[in-house]
């Protein structure tokens, strides 16, 4: 393997390891401990960043059945909302639909996480 590539991978894995130990990333690290929560967090933040509404039902359907059961996905959403990592809101255009989005705290953590990882990846 190319030495420059090995060095870059070493810096990346070291930096990623450090983010797992970072107390400023409490909510993100909670989501990282279980694949369904992690995938949900990623999809919710992705939709938020592109200004696209995400319904709870759509989020449930985005997670493949081979990852977790429907009931586990529903329980995970409820858990993430109880922990104030995500928030539920009624769609103003369709009152029958519940939307899901990240809380301000979660977004702040995600920005910190993104900047930390980005700094590692873009090092010369």
Protein backbone atom coordinates (compact mmCIF):
# COMPACT_ATOMS: atom_id res chain seq x y z
CA UNK A 1 0.00 0.00 0.00
CA UNK A 2 1.16 3.51 -0.82
CA UNK A 3 2.76 5.23 2.21
CA UNK A 4 0.84 8.50 1.69
CA UNK A 5 -2.44 6.56 1.59
CA UNK A 6 -1.49 4.64 4.74
CA UNK A 7 -0.64 7.88 6.53
CA UNK A 8 -3.94 9.46 5.49
CA UNK A 9 -5.91 6.39 6.60
CA UNK A 10 -4.05 6.39 9.92
CA UNK A 11 -4.91 10.05 10.55
CA UNK A 12 -8.54 9.44 9.58
CA UNK A 13 -9.01 6.37 11.79
CA UNK A 14 -7.27 8.10 14.71
CA UNK A 15 -9.46 11.18 14.32
CA UNK A 16 -12.61 9.09 13.97
CA UNK A 17 -11.67 7.15 17.10
CA UNK A 18 -11.27 10.46 18.94
CA UNK A 19 -14.77 11.57 17.91
CA UNK A 20 -16.20 8.49 19.65
CA UNK A 21 -14.60 9.66 22.89
CA UNK A 22 -15.62 13.31 22.49
CA UNK A 23 -18.08 14.38 25.20
CA UNK A 24 -19.36 17.14 22.90
CA UNK A 25 -20.84 14.44 20.64
CA UNK A 26 -23.01 12.70 23.23
CA UNK A 27 -26.12 12.39 21.05
CA UNK A 28 -24.24 11.35 17.93
CA UNK A 29 -22.29 8.75 19.88
CA UNK A 30 -25.52 7.40 21.37
CA UNK A 31 -26.83 6.90 17.84
CA UNK A 32 -23.58 5.25 16.76
CA UNK A 33 -24.03 2.44 19.26
CA UNK A 34 -26.87 0.88 17.26
CA UNK A 35 -27.15 0.68 13.48
CA UNK A 36 -30.86 1.59 13.18
CA UNK A 37 -30.39 4.76 15.24
CA UNK A 38 -27.26 5.66 13.29
CA UNK A 39 -28.97 5.23 9.91
CA UNK A 40 -31.96 7.24 11.12
CA UNK A 41 -29.79 10.09 12.32
CA UNK A 42 -27.93 10.19 9.01
CA UNK A 43 -31.15 10.27 6.96
CA UNK A 44 -32.80 12.90 9.16
CA UNK A 45 -29.76 15.20 8.97
CA UNK A 46 -29.44 14.61 5.22
CA UNK A 47 -33.07 15.60 4.63
CA UNK A 48 -32.73 18.62 6.91
CA UNK A 49 -29.63 19.82 5.04
CA UNK A 50 -31.35 19.68 1.65
CA UNK A 51 -34.54 21.29 3.04
CA UNK A 52 -36.62 18.22 2.27
CA UNK A 53 -39.43 17.21 4.59
CA UNK A 54 -39.16 13.74 6.08
CA UNK A 55 -42.21 12.01 7.48
CA UNK A 56 -41.90 9.43 10.20
CA UNK A 57 -43.43 6.85 7.89
CA UNK A 58 -40.88 7.64 5.16
CA UNK A 59 -38.03 7.33 7.66
CA UNK A 60 -39.35 3.96 8.79
CA UNK A 61 -39.46 2.82 5.16
CA UNK A 62 -35.95 4.07 4.38
CA UNK A 63 -34.39 1.58 6.80
CA UNK A 64 -34.20 -1.85 5.14
CA UNK A 65 -36.04 -4.79 6.70
CA UNK A 66 -32.78 -6.74 6.92
CA UNK A 67 -31.41 -4.08 9.30
CA UNK A 68 -34.29 -4.01 11.78
CA UNK A 69 -37.95 -4.81 12.20
CA UNK A 70 -40.65 -2.20 11.72
CA UNK A 71 -41.44 -2.24 15.45
CA UNK A 72 -37.77 -1.69 16.30
CA UNK A 73 -37.64 1.28 13.91
CA UNK A 74 -40.73 2.80 15.54
CA UNK A 75 -39.27 2.23 19.01
CA UNK A 76 -35.99 3.78 17.89
CA UNK A 77 -37.76 6.92 16.64
CA UNK A 78 -39.65 7.23 19.92
CA UNK A 79 -36.42 6.73 21.87
CA UNK A 80 -34.56 9.37 19.84
CA UNK A 81 -37.41 11.82 20.35
CA UNK A 82 -37.57 11.13 24.10
CA UNK A 83 -33.84 11.79 24.33
CA UNK A 84 -34.35 15.04 22.37
CA UNK A 85 -32.03 13.92 19.58
CA UNK A 86 -34.86 14.16 17.05
CA UNK A 87 -38.17 15.98 17.19
CA UNK A 88 -41.61 15.21 15.82
CA UNK A 89 -43.77 17.95 14.34
CA UNK A 90 -47.09 17.98 12.60
CA UNK A 91 -46.88 18.77 8.89
CA UNK A 92 -48.52 22.19 8.48
CA UNK A 93 -49.75 21.23 5.01
CA UNK A 94 -51.18 17.82 5.97
CA UNK A 95 -52.20 17.48 9.61
CA UNK A 96 -52.33 13.68 9.29
CA UNK A 97 -48.56 13.50 8.71
CA UNK A 98 -45.88 13.70 11.39
CA UNK A 99 -42.52 15.06 10.31
CA UNK A 100 -39.20 14.23 11.91
CA UNK A 101 -36.17 16.50 12.13
CA UNK A 102 -33.01 16.94 14.20
CA UNK A 103 -33.05 19.11 17.30
CA UNK A 104 -30.85 22.20 17.46
CA UNK A 105 -28.53 20.41 19.91
CA UNK A 106 -28.14 17.48 17.52
CA UNK A 107 -27.45 19.81 14.60
CA UNK A 108 -24.80 21.64 16.63
CA UNK A 109 -23.15 18.32 17.48
CA UNK A 110 -23.30 17.22 13.85
CA UNK A 111 -21.64 20.46 12.72
CA UNK A 112 -18.86 19.91 15.27
CA UNK A 113 -18.50 16.28 14.15
CA UNK A 114 -18.45 17.24 10.45
CA UNK A 115 -15.83 19.94 11.02
CA UNK A 116 -13.66 17.52 13.02
CA UNK A 117 -13.78 14.79 10.38
CA UNK A 118 -13.47 17.28 7.52
CA UNK A 119 -10.32 18.75 9.08
CA UNK A 120 -8.79 15.28 9.23
CA UNK A 121 -9.73 14.36 5.65
CA UNK A 122 -8.55 17.65 4.12
CA UNK A 123 -5.16 17.70 5.84
CA UNK A 124 -2.31 18.11 3.33
